[in-house]
Amino acid sequence: MLPDELKKLLSERIASAEDPREQAVDAMFELQSYYGYMSDEAMTEASGLLGMTPLELEELATFYDHIYREPVGRYVIHVCDSAICWMHDHLSVVDHIRSQLNVEVGGTTADGLFTLLPVCCIGYCDRAPAMTINRRVFGRLTPEKIDRILTRLKDQAQFAETE
């Protein structure tokens, strides 16, 4: 169940739109932020707010790489597999991350910290190979750079747990 404040915010945004459907993706991102992913409950709540069917929202959700229908880790790593990143050996990036985190593509680490997903393009072709982590872009990836990034994120997570 959504908190009243979030429900009010979403209702106001939807009401201000010329057509409520214009707010569908933004509403899903807000709900995903609250739940951690677009759960079935979130889909039902969104469909009620937007006047859309859950199936219509499901069709939208499956189109967007950053709307997650299953639980994901605290840090979602999207490795670009576009033609340019492919030419810059994106598979070595994927393999290095898989090895460092002991996770398969599409999976989440046992500690729930990282999810590794492919994405068709992130628009960082001039800095290939590239990836995003929670929508922050990292380019010109090397094993050493990846290790520094992952170590920093692990340290941040560990620090957050001790607070």
N, C-alpha and C. Protein backbone atom coordinates (compact mmCIF):
# COMPACT_ATOMS: atom_id res chain seq x y z
N MET A 1 0.84 -1.18 0.00
CA MET A 1 0.00 0.00 0.00
C MET A 1 0.89 1.24 0.00
N LEU A 2 0.57 2.15 -0.89
CA LEU A 2 1.35 3.37 -1.01
C LEU A 2 1.09 4.34 0.13
N PRO A 3 2.13 5.03 0.55
CA PRO A 3 1.90 6.08 1.54
C PRO A 3 1.05 7.19 0.91
N ASP A 4 0.25 7.84 1.71
CA ASP A 4 -0.65 8.88 1.21
C ASP A 4 0.11 9.98 0.47
N GLU A 5 1.28 10.35 0.98
CA GLU A 5 2.07 11.42 0.36
C GLU A 5 2.47 11.07 -1.08
N LEU A 6 2.93 9.84 -1.30
CA LEU A 6 3.32 9.41 -2.64
C LEU A 6 2.10 9.30 -3.55
N LYS A 7 1.02 8.77 -3.02
CA LYS A 7 -0.21 8.65 -3.81
C LYS A 7 -0.70 10.04 -4.24
N LYS A 8 -0.63 11.00 -3.32
CA LYS A 8 -1.04 12.37 -3.63
C LYS A 8 -0.15 12.97 -4.71
N LEU A 9 1.16 12.80 -4.57
CA LEU A 9 2.11 13.31 -5.56
C LEU A 9 1.81 12.75 -6.95
N LEU A 10 1.65 11.43 -7.03
CA LEU A 10 1.37 10.79 -8.32
C LEU A 10 0.03 11.26 -8.88
N SER A 11 -0.98 11.35 -8.04
CA SER A 11 -2.30 11.79 -8.49
C SER A 11 -2.25 13.20 -9.05
N GLU A 12 -1.49 14.08 -8.40
CA GLU A 12 -1.36 15.46 -8.88
C GLU A 12 -0.65 15.51 -10.22
N ARG A 13 0.42 14.75 -10.37
CA ARG A 13 1.15 14.71 -11.65
C ARG A 13 0.25 14.19 -12.77
N ILE A 14 -0.45 13.13 -12.47
CA ILE A 14 -1.32 12.53 -13.48
C ILE A 14 -2.44 13.50 -13.86
N ALA A 15 -3.01 14.16 -12.88
CA ALA A 15 -4.10 15.11 -13.14
C ALA A 15 -3.63 16.30 -13.96
N SER A 16 -2.36 16.69 -13.82
CA SER A 16 -1.85 17.85 -14.55
C SER A 16 -1.51 17.53 -16.01
N ALA A 17 -1.47 16.27 -16.36
CA ALA A 17 -1.13 15.87 -17.72
C ALA A 17 -2.35 16.00 -18.64
N GLU A 18 -2.08 16.29 -19.87
CA GLU A 18 -3.16 16.37 -20.86
C GLU A 18 -3.86 15.02 -20.98
N ASP A 19 -3.08 13.97 -20.96
CA ASP A 19 -3.60 12.60 -20.99
C ASP A 19 -2.86 11.83 -19.89
N PRO A 20 -3.57 11.16 -18.99
CA PRO A 20 -2.90 10.44 -17.90
C PRO A 20 -1.82 9.48 -18.37
N ARG A 21 -1.97 8.91 -19.56
CA ARG A 21 -0.98 7.95 -20.08
C ARG A 21 0.41 8.58 -20.23
N GLU A 22 0.44 9.91 -20.39
CA GLU A 22 1.73 10.60 -20.51
C GLU A 22 2.59 10.39 -19.27
N GLN A 23 1.98 10.12 -18.15
CA GLN A 23 2.68 9.98 -16.89
C GLN A 23 2.98 8.53 -16.53
N ALA A 24 2.65 7.59 -17.41
CA ALA A 24 2.78 6.17 -17.07
C ALA A 24 4.21 5.78 -16.71
N VAL A 25 5.17 6.15 -17.52
CA VAL A 25 6.55 5.74 -17.26
C VAL A 25 7.07 6.42 -16.00
N ASP A 26 6.80 7.71 -15.85
CA ASP A 26 7.25 8.41 -14.64
C ASP A 26 6.62 7.81 -13.39
N ALA A 27 5.34 7.47 -13.48
CA ALA A 27 4.66 6.85 -12.33
C ALA A 27 5.29 5.51 -12.00
N MET A 28 5.63 4.72 -13.03
CA MET A 28 6.27 3.43 -12.77
C MET A 28 7.63 3.60 -12.12
N PHE A 29 8.39 4.62 -12.56
CA PHE A 29 9.69 4.88 -11.93
C PHE A 29 9.52 5.28 -10.47
N GLU A 30 8.53 6.10 -10.17
CA GLU A 30 8.28 6.50 -8.78
C GLU A 30 7.91 5.28 -7.93
N LEU A 31 7.03 4.45 -8.45
CA LEU A 31 6.61 3.26 -7.71
C LEU A 31 7.76 2.28 -7.55
N GLN A 32 8.55 2.14 -8.60
CA GLN A 32 9.72 1.27 -8.53
C GLN A 32 10.70 1.78 -7.48
N SER A 33 10.85 3.07 -7.41
CA SER A 33 11.74 3.64 -6.40
C SER A 33 11.23 3.32 -5.00
N TYR A 34 9.94 3.33 -4.82
CA TYR A 34 9.36 3.02 -3.51
C TYR A 34 9.47 1.54 -3.17
N TYR A 35 9.11 0.66 -4.13
CA TYR A 35 9.09 -0.78 -3.87
C TYR A 35 10.43 -1.47 -4.11
N GLY A 36 11.32 -0.84 -4.89
CA GLY A 36 12.58 -1.48 -5.27
C GLY A 36 12.51 -2.13 -6.63
N TYR A 37 11.31 -2.39 -7.10
CA TYR A 37 11.05 -2.91 -8.44
C TYR A 37 9.55 -2.74 -8.70
N MET A 38 9.13 -2.96 -9.95
CA MET A 38 7.71 -2.82 -10.28
C MET A 38 7.00 -4.13 -9.97
N SER A 39 6.64 -4.27 -8.73
CA SER A 39 5.94 -5.47 -8.28
C SER A 39 4.55 -5.54 -8.89
N ASP A 40 3.90 -6.68 -8.78
CA ASP A 40 2.52 -6.81 -9.24
C ASP A 40 1.61 -5.83 -8.50
N GLU A 41 1.87 -5.66 -7.21
CA GLU A 41 1.09 -4.70 -6.42
C GLU A 41 1.27 -3.29 -6.98
N ALA A 42 2.51 -2.94 -7.33
CA ALA A 42 2.77 -1.61 -7.90
C ALA A 42 2.07 -1.45 -9.24
N MET A 43 2.06 -2.51 -10.04
CA MET A 43 1.36 -2.45 -11.34
C MET A 43 -0.12 -2.18 -11.14
N THR A 44 -0.71 -2.85 -10.16
CA THR A 44 -2.14 -2.67 -9.88
C THR A 44 -2.40 -1.24 -9.40
N GLU A 45 -1.55 -0.73 -8.53
CA GLU A 45 -1.73 0.63 -8.04
C GLU A 45 -1.56 1.65 -9.17
N ALA A 46 -0.56 1.44 -10.00
CA ALA A 46 -0.33 2.36 -11.13
C ALA A 46 -1.49 2.33 -12.10
N SER A 47 -2.00 1.14 -12.39
CA SER A 47 -3.11 1.06 -13.35
C SER A 47 -4.34 1.79 -12.82
N GLY A 48 -4.57 1.69 -11.51
CA GLY A 48 -5.70 2.41 -10.92
C GLY A 48 -5.53 3.92 -11.00
N LEU A 49 -4.32 4.39 -10.73
CA LEU A 49 -4.05 5.83 -10.77
C LEU A 49 -4.11 6.39 -12.19
N LEU A 50 -3.65 5.60 -13.16
CA LEU A 50 -3.54 6.06 -14.54
C LEU A 50 -4.77 5.76 -15.39
N GLY A 51 -5.65 4.92 -14.89
CA GLY A 51 -6.80 4.53 -15.70
C GLY A 51 -6.41 3.63 -16.86
N MET A 52 -5.37 2.83 -16.65
CA MET A 52 -4.88 1.89 -17.66
C MET A 52 -5.02 0.49 -17.09
N THR A 53 -4.97 -0.50 -17.97
CA THR A 53 -5.01 -1.87 -17.49
C THR A 53 -3.59 -2.29 -17.09
N PRO A 54 -3.47 -3.26 -16.19
CA PRO A 54 -2.13 -3.77 -15.86
C PRO A 54 -1.40 -4.29 -17.11
N LEU A 55 -2.12 -4.86 -18.06
CA LEU A 55 -1.50 -5.36 -19.28
C LEU A 55 -0.88 -4.22 -20.08
N GLU A 56 -1.56 -3.09 -20.17
CA GLU A 56 -1.00 -1.94 -20.89
C GLU A 56 0.29 -1.47 -20.22
N LEU A 57 0.30 -1.46 -18.90
CA LEU A 57 1.52 -1.06 -18.19
C LEU A 57 2.62 -2.10 -18.34
N GLU A 58 2.24 -3.37 -18.34
CA GLU A 58 3.23 -4.44 -18.54
C GLU A 58 3.92 -4.27 -19.89
N GLU A 59 3.15 -3.93 -20.91
CA GLU A 59 3.72 -3.73 -22.23
C GLU A 59 4.74 -2.59 -22.21
N LEU A 60 4.44 -1.53 -21.50
CA LEU A 60 5.40 -0.43 -21.36
C LEU A 60 6.63 -0.86 -20.56
N ALA A 61 6.39 -1.54 -19.47
CA ALA A 61 7.48 -1.94 -18.58
C ALA A 61 8.49 -2.84 -19.30
N THR A 62 8.01 -3.71 -20.15
CA THR A 62 8.93 -4.62 -20.84
C THR A 62 9.73 -3.91 -21.92
N PHE A 63 9.29 -2.72 -22.31
CA PHE A 63 10.01 -1.95 -23.33
C PHE A 63 11.21 -1.22 -22.73
N TYR A 64 11.11 -0.81 -21.49
CA TYR A 64 12.16 0.00 -20.86
C TYR A 64 13.13 -0.85 -20.05
N ASP A 65 14.43 -0.67 -20.35
CA ASP A 65 15.47 -1.44 -19.66
C ASP A 65 15.59 -1.12 -18.18
N HIS A 66 15.12 0.04 -17.77
CA HIS A 66 15.30 0.45 -16.38
C HIS A 66 14.05 0.29 -15.52
N ILE A 67 13.07 -0.39 -16.05
CA ILE A 67 11.91 -0.76 -15.23
C ILE A 67 12.05 -2.25 -14.96
N TYR A 68 12.14 -2.59 -13.70
CA TYR A 68 12.44 -3.96 -13.30
C TYR A 68 11.18 -4.63 -12.75
N ARG A 69 10.83 -5.76 -13.33
CA ARG A 69 9.65 -6.50 -12.89
C ARG A 69 9.99 -7.55 -11.85
N GLU A 70 11.26 -7.74 -11.60
CA GLU A 70 11.75 -8.66 -10.57
C GLU A 70 12.66 -7.87 -9.64
N PRO A 71 12.82 -8.32 -8.40
CA PRO A 71 13.74 -7.62 -7.49
C PRO A 71 15.15 -7.56 -8.07
N VAL A 72 15.81 -6.43 -7.82
CA VAL A 72 17.19 -6.23 -8.29
C VAL A 72 18.06 -5.85 -7.09
N GLY A 73 19.36 -5.86 -7.31
CA GLY A 73 20.29 -5.49 -6.26
C GLY A 73 20.30 -4.00 -6.00
N ARG A 74 20.99 -3.63 -4.96
CA ARG A 74 21.12 -2.20 -4.62
C ARG A 74 21.77 -1.44 -5.77
N TYR A 75 22.74 -2.09 -6.43
CA TYR A 75 23.43 -1.48 -7.56
C TYR A 75 23.12 -2.31 -8.81
N VAL A 76 22.48 -1.67 -9.77
CA VAL A 76 22.15 -2.34 -11.03
C VAL A 76 23.17 -1.92 -12.07
N ILE A 77 23.92 -2.90 -12.55
CA ILE A 77 24.96 -2.66 -13.54
C ILE A 77 24.40 -3.03 -14.91
N HIS A 78 24.34 -2.05 -15.81
CA HIS A 78 23.95 -2.29 -17.19
C HIS A 78 25.22 -2.18 -18.04
N VAL A 79 25.62 -3.26 -18.67
CA VAL A 79 26.78 -3.23 -19.56
C VAL A 79 26.28 -3.08 -20.98
N CYS A 80 26.78 -2.05 -21.65
CA CYS A 80 26.37 -1.76 -23.02
C CYS A 80 26.86 -2.88 -23.94
N ASP A 81 25.94 -3.38 -24.77
CA ASP A 81 26.33 -4.39 -25.75
C ASP A 81 26.01 -3.94 -27.17
N SER A 82 26.06 -2.62 -27.39
CA SER A 82 25.83 -2.07 -28.73
C SER A 82 26.98 -2.48 -29.65
N ALA A 83 26.83 -2.19 -30.91
CA ALA A 83 27.85 -2.54 -31.90
C ALA A 83 29.19 -1.90 -31.56
N ILE A 84 29.17 -0.64 -31.13
CA ILE A 84 30.42 0.05 -30.82
C ILE A 84 31.09 -0.59 -29.60
N CYS A 85 30.34 -0.82 -28.54
CA CYS A 85 30.94 -1.47 -27.36
C CYS A 85 31.38 -2.89 -27.68
N TRP A 86 30.62 -3.57 -28.53
CA TRP A 86 31.02 -4.91 -28.97
C TRP A 86 32.38 -4.85 -29.66
N MET A 87 32.57 -3.83 -30.52
CA MET A 87 33.85 -3.67 -31.22
C MET A 87 34.99 -3.35 -30.24
N HIS A 88 34.63 -2.81 -29.08
CA HIS A 88 35.63 -2.48 -28.06
C HIS A 88 35.66 -3.55 -26.96
N ASP A 89 35.25 -4.76 -27.33
CA ASP A 89 35.37 -5.93 -26.47
C ASP A 89 34.56 -5.84 -25.18
N HIS A 90 33.29 -5.50 -25.33
CA HIS A 90 32.42 -5.41 -24.14
C HIS A 90 32.32 -6.76 -23.42
N LEU A 91 32.54 -7.85 -24.15
CA LEU A 91 32.46 -9.17 -23.49
C LEU A 91 33.51 -9.33 -22.41
N SER A 92 34.67 -8.71 -22.60
CA SER A 92 35.69 -8.80 -21.55
C SER A 92 35.23 -8.04 -20.30
N VAL A 93 34.46 -6.97 -20.49
CA VAL A 93 33.90 -6.23 -19.36
C VAL A 93 32.90 -7.12 -18.62
N VAL A 94 32.01 -7.73 -19.39
CA VAL A 94 31.00 -8.62 -18.80
C VAL A 94 31.68 -9.76 -18.05
N ASP A 95 32.64 -10.39 -18.70
CA ASP A 95 33.34 -11.52 -18.07
C ASP A 95 34.07 -11.10 -16.80
N HIS A 96 34.67 -9.93 -16.82
CA HIS A 96 35.39 -9.46 -15.63
C HIS A 96 34.42 -9.20 -14.48
N ILE A 97 33.32 -8.55 -14.77
CA ILE A 97 32.32 -8.28 -13.72
C ILE A 97 31.75 -9.59 -13.19
N ARG A 98 31.42 -10.51 -14.10
CA ARG A 98 30.89 -11.83 -13.68
C ARG A 98 31.87 -12.50 -12.73
N SER A 99 33.15 -12.45 -13.09
CA SER A 99 34.18 -13.10 -12.29
C SER A 99 34.36 -12.42 -10.93
N GLN A 100 34.40 -11.10 -10.93
CA GLN A 100 34.61 -10.35 -9.69
C GLN A 100 33.45 -10.49 -8.72
N LEU A 101 32.23 -10.56 -9.26
CA LEU A 101 31.04 -10.59 -8.40
C LEU A 101 30.43 -11.97 -8.24
N ASN A 102 30.94 -12.92 -9.01
CA ASN A 102 30.37 -14.27 -8.99
C ASN A 102 28.87 -14.23 -9.28
N VAL A 103 28.53 -13.61 -10.42
CA VAL A 103 27.13 -13.47 -10.83
C VAL A 103 27.03 -13.66 -12.33
N GLU A 104 25.93 -14.22 -12.75
CA GLU A 104 25.68 -14.39 -14.18
C GLU A 104 24.91 -13.19 -14.71
N VAL A 105 24.99 -12.97 -16.01
CA VAL A 105 24.21 -11.91 -16.64
C VAL A 105 22.73 -12.20 -16.39
N GLY A 106 22.02 -11.19 -15.93
CA GLY A 106 20.62 -11.35 -15.59
C GLY A 106 20.41 -11.72 -14.13
N GLY A 107 21.50 -11.95 -13.41
CA GLY A 107 21.39 -12.39 -12.02
C GLY A 107 21.78 -11.31 -11.03
N THR A 108 21.53 -11.63 -9.77
CA THR A 108 21.86 -10.76 -8.66
C THR A 108 22.79 -11.52 -7.72
N THR A 109 23.77 -10.81 -7.18
CA THR A 109 24.72 -11.45 -6.28
C THR A 109 23.99 -11.99 -5.05
N ALA A 110 24.60 -12.99 -4.42
CA ALA A 110 23.98 -13.66 -3.27
C ALA A 110 23.68 -12.68 -2.13
N ASP A 111 24.49 -11.63 -2.00
CA ASP A 111 24.27 -10.66 -0.94
C ASP A 111 23.24 -9.60 -1.32
N GLY A 112 22.71 -9.69 -2.54
CA GLY A 112 21.69 -8.74 -2.99
C GLY A 112 22.23 -7.36 -3.33
N LEU A 113 23.53 -7.26 -3.44
CA LEU A 113 24.14 -5.96 -3.68
C LEU A 113 24.16 -5.55 -5.15
N PHE A 114 24.46 -6.49 -6.06
CA PHE A 114 24.62 -6.16 -7.47
C PHE A 114 23.72 -7.01 -8.36
N THR A 115 23.19 -6.39 -9.39
CA THR A 115 22.49 -7.09 -10.47
C THR A 115 23.21 -6.72 -11.76
N LEU A 116 23.47 -7.70 -12.60
CA LEU A 116 24.20 -7.49 -13.85
C LEU A 116 23.26 -7.72 -15.03
N LEU A 117 23.07 -6.68 -15.85
CA LEU A 117 22.15 -6.75 -16.98
C LEU A 117 22.79 -6.15 -18.23
N PRO A 118 22.45 -6.69 -19.40
CA PRO A 118 22.89 -6.07 -20.64
C PRO A 118 21.93 -4.93 -21.01
N VAL A 119 22.41 -4.00 -21.79
CA VAL A 119 21.57 -2.93 -22.32
C VAL A 119 22.05 -2.63 -23.73
N CYS A 120 21.12 -2.36 -24.61
CA CYS A 120 21.51 -2.27 -26.03
C CYS A 120 22.33 -1.03 -26.36
N CYS A 121 22.14 0.07 -25.69
CA CYS A 121 22.97 1.26 -25.94
C CYS A 121 22.75 2.25 -24.82
N ILE A 122 23.84 2.88 -24.39
CA ILE A 122 23.71 3.92 -23.38
C ILE A 122 24.19 5.27 -23.91
N GLY A 123 24.57 5.31 -25.19
CA GLY A 123 24.94 6.57 -25.81
C GLY A 123 26.30 7.11 -25.40
N TYR A 124 27.20 6.23 -25.04
CA TYR A 124 28.55 6.62 -24.62
C TYR A 124 29.58 6.05 -25.58
N CYS A 125 29.23 6.02 -26.85
CA CYS A 125 30.05 5.35 -27.86
C CYS A 125 31.47 5.89 -27.93
N ASP A 126 31.63 7.18 -27.67
CA ASP A 126 32.97 7.77 -27.72
C ASP A 126 33.85 7.34 -26.55
N ARG A 127 33.25 6.63 -25.59
CA ARG A 127 34.01 6.16 -24.43
C ARG A 127 33.83 4.66 -24.21
N ALA A 128 33.60 3.94 -25.29
CA ALA A 128 33.37 2.49 -25.22
C ALA A 128 34.64 1.77 -24.77
N PRO A 129 34.47 0.63 -24.10
CA PRO A 129 33.23 0.03 -23.63
C PRO A 129 32.71 0.77 -22.40
N ALA A 130 31.38 0.71 -22.24
CA ALA A 130 30.75 1.51 -21.20
C ALA A 130 29.72 0.70 -20.43
N MET A 131 29.38 1.24 -19.26
CA MET A 131 28.33 0.63 -18.43
C MET A 131 27.69 1.74 -17.61
N THR A 132 26.53 1.44 -17.08
CA THR A 132 25.93 2.33 -16.09
C THR A 132 25.73 1.53 -14.81
N ILE A 133 25.81 2.24 -13.71
CA ILE A 133 25.46 1.65 -12.41
C ILE A 133 24.49 2.63 -11.77
N ASN A 134 23.27 2.16 -11.58
CA ASN A 134 22.20 3.01 -11.06
C ASN A 134 22.12 4.32 -11.86
N ARG A 135 22.21 4.17 -13.17
CA ARG A 135 22.06 5.24 -14.15
C ARG A 135 23.25 6.20 -14.21
N ARG A 136 24.30 5.93 -13.49
CA ARG A 136 25.53 6.72 -13.61
C ARG A 136 26.43 6.03 -14.63
N VAL A 137 26.96 6.80 -15.58
CA VAL A 137 27.71 6.24 -16.70
C VAL A 137 29.19 6.16 -16.38
N PHE A 138 29.79 5.03 -16.77
CA PHE A 138 31.23 4.82 -16.67
C PHE A 138 31.73 4.36 -18.03
N GLY A 139 32.78 4.98 -18.54
CA GLY A 139 33.30 4.62 -19.85
C GLY A 139 34.77 4.32 -19.84
N ARG A 140 35.24 3.93 -21.03
CA ARG A 140 36.64 3.52 -21.22
C ARG A 140 37.04 2.51 -20.14
N LEU A 141 36.22 1.50 -20.02
CA LEU A 141 36.39 0.52 -18.94
C LEU A 141 37.59 -0.38 -19.16
N THR A 142 38.29 -0.61 -18.09
CA THR A 142 39.39 -1.58 -18.04
C THR A 142 39.14 -2.43 -16.80
N PRO A 143 39.77 -3.59 -16.70
CA PRO A 143 39.61 -4.38 -15.48
C PRO A 143 39.96 -3.59 -14.22
N GLU A 144 41.00 -2.80 -14.28
CA GLU A 144 41.42 -2.02 -13.11
C GLU A 144 40.37 -0.97 -12.73
N LYS A 145 39.82 -0.30 -13.72
CA LYS A 145 38.80 0.71 -13.46
C LYS A 145 37.54 0.06 -12.88
N ILE A 146 37.15 -1.07 -13.44
CA ILE A 146 35.99 -1.80 -12.94
C ILE A 146 36.21 -2.20 -11.49
N ASP A 147 37.40 -2.71 -11.18
CA ASP A 147 37.71 -3.12 -9.80
C ASP A 147 37.61 -1.94 -8.83
N ARG A 148 38.11 -0.78 -9.23
CA ARG A 148 38.01 0.41 -8.37
C ARG A 148 36.56 0.80 -8.12
N ILE A 149 35.76 0.76 -9.17
CA ILE A 149 34.34 1.12 -9.05
C ILE A 149 33.62 0.15 -8.13
N LEU A 150 33.82 -1.14 -8.35
CA LEU A 150 33.14 -2.16 -7.54
C LEU A 150 33.58 -2.09 -6.08
N THR A 151 34.87 -1.87 -5.85
CA THR A 151 35.37 -1.76 -4.48
C THR A 151 34.74 -0.57 -3.78
N ARG A 152 34.65 0.57 -4.48
CA ARG A 152 34.05 1.76 -3.88
C ARG A 152 32.59 1.50 -3.51
N LEU A 153 31.86 0.84 -4.40
CA LEU A 153 30.45 0.55 -4.13
C LEU A 153 30.29 -0.43 -2.96
N LYS A 154 31.14 -1.44 -2.91
CA LYS A 154 31.10 -2.38 -1.78
C LYS A 154 31.40 -1.67 -0.47
N ASP A 155 32.40 -0.77 -0.51
CA ASP A 155 32.75 0.00 0.70
C ASP A 155 31.59 0.88 1.14
N GLN A 156 30.93 1.52 0.17
CA GLN A 156 29.78 2.39 0.50
C GLN A 156 28.66 1.56 1.13
N ALA A 157 28.41 0.40 0.58
CA ALA A 157 27.35 -0.46 1.12
C ALA A 157 27.69 -0.91 2.53
N GLN A 158 28.94 -1.26 2.75
CA GLN A 158 29.38 -1.70 4.08
C GLN A 158 29.29 -0.56 5.07
N PHE A 159 29.67 0.66 4.65
CA PHE A 159 29.58 1.83 5.52
C PHE A 159 28.13 2.11 5.87
N ALA A 160 27.24 1.99 4.89
CA ALA A 160 25.80 2.25 5.13
C ALA A 160 25.23 1.26 6.14
N GLU A 161 25.70 0.03 6.12
CA GLU A 161 25.21 -0.99 7.05
C GLU A 161 25.62 -0.71 8.48
N THR A 162 26.77 -0.05 8.66
CA THR A 162 27.26 0.22 10.01
C THR A 162 26.64 1.47 10.64
N GLU A 163 25.97 2.25 9.84
CA GLU A 163 25.34 3.47 10.37
C GLU A 163 24.06 3.16 11.10
